[in-house]
C-alpha atoms as a PDB file:
ATOM      1  CA  MET A   1      29.549  -0.586 -77.866  1.00  0.00           C
ATOM      2  CA  ASN A   2      29.201   3.180 -77.644  1.00  0.00           C
ATOM      3  CA  ILE A   3      31.925   4.667 -75.409  1.00  0.00           C
ATOM      4  CA  GLN A   4      29.559   7.392 -74.233  1.00  0.00           C
ATOM      5  CA  HIS A   5      27.101   4.791 -73.160  1.00  0.00           C
ATOM      6  CA  ILE A   6      29.801   3.035 -71.161  1.00  0.00           C
ATOM      7  CA  ARG A   7      30.808   6.319 -69.527  1.00  0.00           C
ATOM      8  CA  ASN A   8      27.194   7.049 -68.614  1.00  0.00           C
ATOM      9  CA  LYS A   9      26.824   3.559 -67.166  1.00  0.00           C
ATOM     10  CA  LEU A  10      30.022   4.005 -65.163  1.00  0.00           C
ATOM     11  CA  GLU A  11      28.887   7.353 -63.790  1.00  0.00           C
ATOM     12  CA  GLN A  12      25.554   5.822 -62.871  1.00  0.00           C
ATOM     13  CA  GLN A  13      27.259   3.012 -60.981  1.00  0.00           C
ATOM     14  CA  LYS A  14      29.550   5.525 -59.259  1.00  0.00           C
ATOM     15  CA  GLY A  15      26.491   7.430 -58.143  1.00  0.00           C
ATOM     16  CA  GLN A  16      24.889   4.228 -56.839  1.00  0.00           C
ATOM     17  CA  ARG A  17      28.107   3.370 -55.004  1.00  0.00           C
ATOM     18  CA  MET A  18      28.240   6.802 -53.389  1.00  0.00           C
ATOM     19  CA  GLN A  19      24.611   6.452 -52.317  1.00  0.00           C
ATOM     20  CA  ILE A  20      25.301   3.003 -50.853  1.00  0.00           C
ATOM     21  CA  GLU A  21      28.342   4.337 -48.971  1.00  0.00           C
ATOM     22  CA  LYS A  22      26.211   7.216 -47.676  1.00  0.00           C
ATOM     23  CA  ASN A  23      23.504   4.786 -46.555  1.00  0.00           C
ATOM     24  CA  ILE A  24      26.119   2.627 -44.809  1.00  0.00           C
ATOM     25  CA  ALA A  25      27.515   5.679 -42.984  1.00  0.00           C
ATOM     26  CA  GLU A  26      24.011   6.716 -41.903  1.00  0.00           C
ATOM     27  CA  ALA A  27      23.263   3.150 -40.814  1.00  0.00           C
ATOM     28  CA  LYS A  28      26.470   3.084 -38.723  1.00  0.00           C
ATOM     29  CA  THR A  29      25.503   6.398 -37.134  1.00  0.00           C
ATOM     30  CA  ASN A  30      22.019   5.103 -36.381  1.00  0.00           C
ATOM     31  CA  LEU A  31      23.502   1.880 -35.004  1.00  0.00           C
ATOM     32  CA  ASP A  32      25.794   3.811 -32.680  1.00  0.00           C
ATOM     33  CA  SER A  33      22.831   5.888 -31.522  1.00  0.00           C
ATOM     34  CA  LEU A  34      20.691   2.785 -30.970  1.00  0.00           C
ATOM     35  CA  GLU A  35      23.489   1.067 -29.040  1.00  0.00           C
ATOM     36  CA  LYS A  36      23.812   4.166 -26.854  1.00  0.00           C
ATOM     37  CA  ASP A  37      20.035   4.224 -26.277  1.00  0.00           C
ATOM     38  CA  LEU A  38      20.120   0.522 -25.444  1.00  0.00           C
ATOM     39  CA  ARG A  39      22.852   1.047 -22.846  1.00  0.00           C
ATOM     40  CA  GLU A  40      20.898   3.944 -21.341  1.00  0.00           C
ATOM     41  CA  HIS A  41      17.693   1.887 -21.257  1.00  0.00           C
ATOM     42  CA  GLU A  42      19.533  -1.009 -19.600  1.00  0.00           C
ATOM     43  CA  GLN A  43      20.954   1.375 -17.011  1.00  0.00           C
ATOM     44  CA  ALA A  44      17.507   2.908 -16.460  1.00  0.00           C
ATOM     45  CA  ARG A  45      15.975  -0.559 -16.116  1.00  0.00           C
ATOM     46  CA  GLU A  46      18.589  -1.475 -13.515  1.00  0.00           C
ATOM     47  CA  ILE A  47      17.877   1.729 -11.604  1.00  0.00           C
ATOM     48  CA  ILE A  48      14.127   1.028 -11.753  1.00  0.00           C
ATOM     49  CA  ARG A  49      14.738  -2.531 -10.555  1.00  0.00           C
ATOM     50  CA  ALA A  50      16.856  -1.296  -7.634  1.00  0.00           C
ATOM     51  CA  VAL A  51      14.275   1.354  -6.715  1.00  0.00           C
ATOM     52  CA  GLY A  52      11.519  -1.245  -6.995  1.00  0.00           C
ATOM     53  CA  LEU A  53      13.328  -3.612  -4.644  1.00  0.00           C
ATOM     54  CA  LYS A  54      13.927  -0.777  -2.171  1.00  0.00           C
ATOM     55  CA  THR A  55      10.283   0.240  -2.406  1.00  0.00           C
ATOM     56  CA  GLN A  56       9.193  -3.346  -1.795  1.00  0.00           C
ATOM     57  CA  GLU A  57      11.432  -3.520   1.276  1.00  0.00           C
ATOM     58  CA  MET A  58       9.843  -0.333   2.609  1.00  0.00           C
ATOM     59  CA  LEU A  59       6.362  -1.638   1.845  1.00  0.00           C
ATOM     60  CA  GLN A  60       7.162  -4.928   3.553  1.00  0.00           C
ATOM     61  CA  TYR A  61       8.171  -2.975   6.637  1.00  0.00           C
ATOM     62  CA  HIS A  62       5.145  -0.692   6.642  1.00  0.00           C
ATOM     63  CA  ILE A  63       2.681  -3.424   5.748  1.00  0.00           C
ATOM     64  CA  GLY A  64       4.155  -6.427   7.542  1.00  0.00           C
ATOM     65  CA  ASP A  65       5.854  -4.981  10.586  1.00  0.00           C
ATOM     66  CA  ILE A  66       3.289  -2.309  11.428  1.00  0.00           C
ATOM     67  CA  THR A  67       0.425  -4.789  11.092  1.00  0.00           C
ATOM     68  CA  SER A  68       2.289  -7.381  13.165  1.00  0.00           C
ATOM     69  CA  LEU A  69       2.882  -4.778  15.888  1.00  0.00           C
ATOM     70  CA  ALA A  70      -0.834  -3.981  15.894  1.00  0.00           C
ATOM     71  CA  LEU A  71      -1.673  -7.687  16.275  1.00  0.00           C
ATOM     72  CA  GLU A  72       0.873  -8.014  19.105  1.00  0.00           C
ATOM     73  CA  SER A  73      -0.681  -5.092  20.952  1.00  0.00           C
ATOM     74  CA  VAL A  74      -4.118  -6.754  20.948  1.00  0.00           C
ATOM     75  CA  PHE A  75      -3.545 -10.517  21.232  1.00  0.00           C
ATOM     76  CA  ASP A  76      -1.498 -12.571  23.705  1.00  0.00           C
ATOM     77  CA  ASP A  77      -0.615 -15.189  21.061  1.00  0.00           C
ATOM     78  CA  PRO A  78      -0.680 -13.141  17.857  1.00  0.00           C
ATOM     79  CA  TYR A  79      -0.148 -13.970  14.226  1.00  0.00           C
ATOM     80  CA  MET A  80       2.586 -12.205  12.314  1.00  0.00           C
ATOM     81  CA  LEU A  81       1.762 -10.724   8.910  1.00  0.00           C
ATOM     82  CA  THR A  82       4.105 -11.173   5.943  1.00  0.00           C
ATOM     83  CA  ALA A  83       3.950  -9.346   2.634  1.00  0.00           C
ATOM     84  CA  GLU A  84       5.472 -11.092  -0.386  1.00  0.00           C
ATOM     85  CA  PHE A  85       5.712  -9.409  -3.769  1.00  0.00           C
ATOM     86  CA  VAL A  86       5.333 -11.728  -6.774  1.00  0.00           C
ATOM     87  CA  GLN A  87       5.109 -11.287 -10.539  1.00  0.00           C
ATOM     88  CA  ARG A  88       1.846 -12.377 -12.148  1.00  0.00           C
ATOM     89  CA  ARG A  89       0.628 -11.506 -15.627  1.00  0.00           C
ATOM     90  CA  ASN A  90       3.491  -8.996 -16.011  1.00  0.00           C
ATOM     91  CA  LYS A  91       2.339  -7.205 -12.876  1.00  0.00           C
ATOM     92  CA  THR A  92       3.690  -7.051  -9.347  1.00  0.00           C
ATOM     93  CA  GLU A  93       1.168  -8.303  -6.800  1.00  0.00           C
ATOM     94  CA  CYS A  94       1.373  -8.502  -3.018  1.00  0.00           C
ATOM     95  CA  ASP A  95       0.437 -11.704  -1.189  1.00  0.00           C
ATOM     96  CA  LEU A  96      -0.475 -11.285   2.478  1.00  0.00           C
ATOM     97  CA  ARG A  97      -0.071 -14.228   4.828  1.00  0.00           C
ATOM     98  CA  PHE A  98      -0.493 -14.824   8.537  1.00  0.00           C
ATOM     99  CA  VAL A  99       2.421 -16.690  10.113  1.00  0.00           C
ATOM    100  CA  LYS A 100       2.442 -18.550  13.414  1.00  0.00           C
ATOM    101  CA  GLU A 101       5.160 -20.935  14.608  1.00  0.00           C
ATOM    102  CA  GLY A 102       6.738 -20.925  11.153  1.00  0.00           C
ATOM    103  CA  THR A 103       3.539 -21.914   9.329  1.00  0.00           C
ATOM    104  CA  GLU A 104       2.012 -19.636   6.710  1.00  0.00           C
ATOM    105  CA  MET A 105      -1.749 -19.504   6.269  1.00  0.00           C
ATOM    106  CA  GLU A 106      -4.439 -17.520   4.507  1.00  0.00           C
ATOM    107  CA  PRO A 107      -5.750 -14.808   6.864  1.00  0.00           C
ATOM    108  CA  LEU A 108      -9.450 -15.234   6.018  1.00  0.00           C
ATOM    109  CA  SER A 109      -9.516 -19.008   6.252  1.00  0.00           C
ATOM    110  CA  ALA A 110      -7.038 -19.747   9.035  1.00  0.00           C
ATOM    111  CA  SER A 111      -7.817 -17.198  11.738  1.00  0.00           C
ATOM    112  CA  GLY A 112     -10.680 -15.696  13.637  1.00  0.00           C
ATOM    113  CA  GLY A 113     -12.398 -12.642  12.270  1.00  0.00           C
ATOM    114  CA  GLY A 114     -11.025 -10.513  15.084  1.00  0.00           C
ATOM    115  CA  ALA A 115      -7.428 -10.941  13.898  1.00  0.00           C
ATOM    116  CA  VAL A 116      -8.472 -10.052  10.352  1.00  0.00           C
ATOM    117  CA  ASP A 117     -10.274  -6.933  11.635  1.00  0.00           C
ATOM    118  CA  VAL A 118      -7.153  -5.735  13.466  1.00  0.00           C
ATOM    119  CA  ALA A 119      -4.920  -6.502  10.471  1.00  0.00           C
ATOM    120  CA  ALA A 120      -7.292  -4.712   8.080  1.00  0.00           C
ATOM    121  CA  PHE A 121      -7.346  -1.651  10.326  1.00  0.00           C
ATOM    122  CA  ALA A 122      -3.541  -1.574  10.568  1.00  0.00           C
ATOM    123  CA  LEU A 123      -3.205  -1.986   6.785  1.00  0.00           C
ATOM    124  CA  ARG A 124      -5.512   0.951   6.226  1.00  0.00           C
ATOM    125  CA  ILE A 125      -3.499   3.135   8.609  1.00  0.00           C
ATOM    126  CA  ALA A 126      -0.213   2.007   7.026  1.00  0.00           C
ATOM    127  CA  SER A 127      -1.547   2.760   3.535  1.00  0.00           C
ATOM    128  CA  TRP A 128      -2.676   6.212   4.607  1.00  0.00           C
ATOM    129  CA  SER A 129       0.689   6.969   6.236  1.00  0.00           C
ATOM    130  CA  MET A 130       2.538   6.069   2.996  1.00  0.00           C
ATOM    131  CA  ALA A 131       0.300   8.084   0.672  1.00  0.00           C
ATOM    132  CA  HIS A 132       1.904  11.082  -1.032  1.00  0.00           C
ATOM    133  CA  PRO A 133       0.349  13.503  -0.931  1.00  0.00           C
ATOM    134  CA  ARG A 134      -1.739  12.352   2.000  1.00  0.00           C
ATOM    135  CA  THR A 135      -5.444  12.822   2.170  1.00  0.00           C
ATOM    136  CA  ARG A 136      -6.969  14.798   5.016  1.00  0.00           C
ATOM    137  CA  ASN A 137      -5.991  13.364   8.396  1.00  0.00           C
ATOM    138  CA  THR A 138      -9.463  11.999   9.112  1.00  0.00           C
ATOM    139  CA  ILE A 139     -10.553   8.369   8.782  1.00  0.00           C
ATOM    140  CA  LEU A 140     -14.136   7.131   9.143  1.00  0.00           C
ATOM    141  CA  LEU A 141     -14.661   3.561  10.352  1.00  0.00           C
ATOM    142  CA  ASP A 142     -17.923   1.655  10.667  1.00  0.00           C
ATOM    143  CA  GLU A 143     -17.556  -1.071  13.313  1.00  0.00           C
ATOM    144  CA  PRO A 144     -14.011  -2.000  12.238  1.00  0.00           C
ATOM    145  CA  PHE A 145     -13.635  -4.575  15.034  1.00  0.00           C
ATOM    146  CA  LYS A 146     -17.065  -6.184  14.968  1.00  0.00           C
ATOM    147  CA  HIS A 147     -15.569  -9.713  14.973  1.00  0.00           C
ATOM    148  CA  LEU A 148     -13.189  -9.083  17.864  1.00  0.00           C
ATOM    149  CA  LYS A 149     -14.197 -11.094  20.930  1.00  0.00           C
ATOM    150  CA  GLY A 150     -13.438 -10.602  24.607  1.00  0.00           C
ATOM    151  CA  GLU A 151     -13.384  -7.532  26.818  1.00  0.00           C
ATOM    152  CA  LYS A 152      -9.591  -7.653  27.181  1.00  0.00           C
ATOM    153  CA  ALA A 153      -8.929  -7.627  23.432  1.00  0.00           C
ATOM    154  CA  ASN A 154     -11.491  -4.869  22.816  1.00  0.00           C
ATOM    155  CA  LEU A 155      -9.951  -2.715  25.536  1.00  0.00           C
ATOM    156  CA  ARG A 156      -6.491  -3.233  24.038  1.00  0.00           C
ATOM    157  CA  VAL A 157      -7.652  -2.362  20.535  1.00  0.00           C
ATOM    158  CA  LEU A 158      -9.238   0.844  21.785  1.00  0.00           C
ATOM    159  CA  GLU A 159      -5.927   1.793  23.435  1.00  0.00           C
ATOM    160  CA  MET A 160      -4.127   1.004  20.166  1.00  0.00           C
ATOM    161  CA  VAL A 161      -6.479   3.263  18.217  1.00  0.00           C
ATOM    162  CA  ARG A 162      -5.945   6.073  20.713  1.00  0.00           C
ATOM    163  CA  GLN A 163      -2.154   5.788  20.537  1.00  0.00           C
ATOM    164  CA  LEU A 164      -2.106   5.733  16.733  1.00  0.00           C
ATOM    165  CA  SER A 165      -4.410   8.729  16.585  1.00  0.00           C
ATOM    166  CA  ARG A 166      -2.073  10.762  18.777  1.00  0.00           C
ATOM    167  CA  LYS A 167       1.219   9.645  17.202  1.00  0.00           C
ATOM    168  CA  LEU A 168       0.046  10.219  13.629  1.00  0.00           C
ATOM    169  CA  ASN A 169      -2.065  13.306  14.348  1.00  0.00           C
ATOM    170  CA  LEU A 170      -4.924  11.382  12.802  1.00  0.00           C
ATOM    171  CA  GLN A 171      -8.582  11.984  13.628  1.00  0.00           C
ATOM    172  CA  ILE A 172     -10.410   8.659  13.786  1.00  0.00           C
ATOM    173  CA  ILE A 173     -14.211   8.710  13.807  1.00  0.00           C
ATOM    174  CA  MET A 174     -15.463   5.247  14.638  1.00  0.00           C
ATOM    175  CA  VAL A 175     -18.909   3.719  14.937  1.00  0.00           C
ATOM    176  CA  SER A 176     -18.997   0.858  17.429  1.00  0.00           C
ATOM    177  CA  ASP A 177     -21.198  -0.974  19.871  1.00  0.00           C
ATOM    178  CA  GLU A 178     -20.350  -1.334  23.559  1.00  0.00           C
ATOM    179  CA  ARG A 179     -18.059  -4.333  24.117  1.00  0.00           C
ATOM    180  CA  ILE A 180     -16.276  -2.905  27.149  1.00  0.00           C
ATOM    181  CA  PRO A 181     -17.489  -0.767  30.076  1.00  0.00           C
ATOM    182  CA  ARG A 182     -18.609   2.681  28.996  1.00  0.00           C
ATOM    183  CA  GLU A 183     -16.142   4.291  31.387  1.00  0.00           C
ATOM    184  CA  ASP A 184     -13.248   2.694  29.503  1.00  0.00           C
ATOM    185  CA  ILE A 185     -14.657   3.846  26.169  1.00  0.00           C
ATOM    186  CA  ILE A 186     -14.949   7.415  27.427  1.00  0.00           C
ATOM    187  CA  ALA A 187     -11.438   7.310  28.916  1.00  0.00           C
ATOM    188  CA  ASN A 188      -9.874   6.278  25.592  1.00  0.00           C
ATOM    189  CA  ALA A 189     -11.765   8.675  23.327  1.00  0.00           C
ATOM    190  CA  ASP A 190     -11.716  12.442  22.996  1.00  0.00           C
ATOM    191  CA  LYS A 191     -15.471  12.464  22.627  1.00  0.00           C
ATOM    192  CA  VAL A 192     -18.184   9.797  22.627  1.00  0.00           C
ATOM    193  CA  PHE A 193     -21.619  10.176  21.059  1.00  0.00           C
ATOM    194  CA  GLU A 194     -24.373   7.793  22.045  1.00  0.00           C
ATOM    195  CA  THR A 195     -27.405   7.378  19.805  1.00  0.00           C
ATOM    196  CA  LYS A 196     -30.805   6.061  20.822  1.00  0.00           C
ATOM    197  CA  ILE A 197     -34.098   5.796  19.004  1.00  0.00           C
ATOM    198  CA  ARG A 198     -37.153   6.828  20.982  1.00  0.00           C
ATOM    199  CA  LYS A 199     -40.577   6.842  19.394  1.00  0.00           C
ATOM    200  CA  GLY A 200     -38.975   6.686  15.954  1.00  0.00           C
ATOM    201  CA  ILE A 201     -36.724   9.673  16.602  1.00  0.00           C
ATOM    202  CA  THR A 202     -32.923   9.347  16.837  1.00  0.00           C
ATOM    203  CA  GLN A 203     -31.443  11.145  19.817  1.00  0.00           C
ATOM    204  CA  VAL A 204     -27.724  11.881  20.165  1.00  0.00           C
ATOM    205  CA  HIS A 205     -25.910  12.548  23.426  1.00  0.00           C
ATOM    206  CA  GLY A 206     -22.216  13.397  23.643  1.00  0.00           C
ATOM    207  CA  THR A 207     -19.806  12.702  26.489  1.00  0.00           C
ATOM    208  CA  ASN A 208     -16.256  13.995  26.846  1.00  0.00           C
ATOM    209  CA  GLN A 209     -13.454  12.593  29.013  1.00  0.00           C
ATOM    210  CA  SER A 210     -14.622  14.496  32.078  1.00  0.00           C
ATOM    211  CA  HIS A 211     -17.914  12.532  31.867  1.00  0.00           C
ATOM    212  CA  LYS A 212     -19.845  15.737  31.345  1.00  0.00           C
ATOM    213  CA  ASN A 213     -22.909  15.151  29.207  1.00  0.00           C
ATOM    214  CA  ILE A 214     -23.313  17.303  26.091  1.00  0.00           C
ATOM    215  CA  ASP A 215     -26.846  17.268  24.686  1.00  0.00           C
END
């Protein structure tokens, strides 16, 4: 066998060995980098999990407690509202339940419409208060308590709306029919507008708290 050929073959193999050693070194470097990235991602995931749990706790307070307080302010024997966060289809969803005497139930099927109206109103206010940035401090409502029965409950809900409006500096414009004496409506609102249709023409009259008519 030609010695030169053997030398060339040896040099070729040396070159291949050097390339393999270089590839191994690069692979080790990449492995170290990937292991570092993995540790950082695991730490980030743990931080996200902790923040998520804290956020859920805050949401449970704002959603559950605030809504339950609203229900307590209107009804003598109120439901409590619970908010439970569950994983479905790789997404976090919130299940809302009414609770009374330790029994959970679906709000729409287990309670009167009045309780659902009050809960829906409170949820809307809670959602607005948590928004960042917030929208303009004005909320329009079209008969939000149309299923609420009884003069006592309707008077209480009007007082609740007034208190929330003042505490949150929130302007609430609400369309409603008369379920309580007009004097009580006027006393709990900054301004009341009454609409009537006469001969096909809509007429609007405004009344402030001093009972002075504004045409």
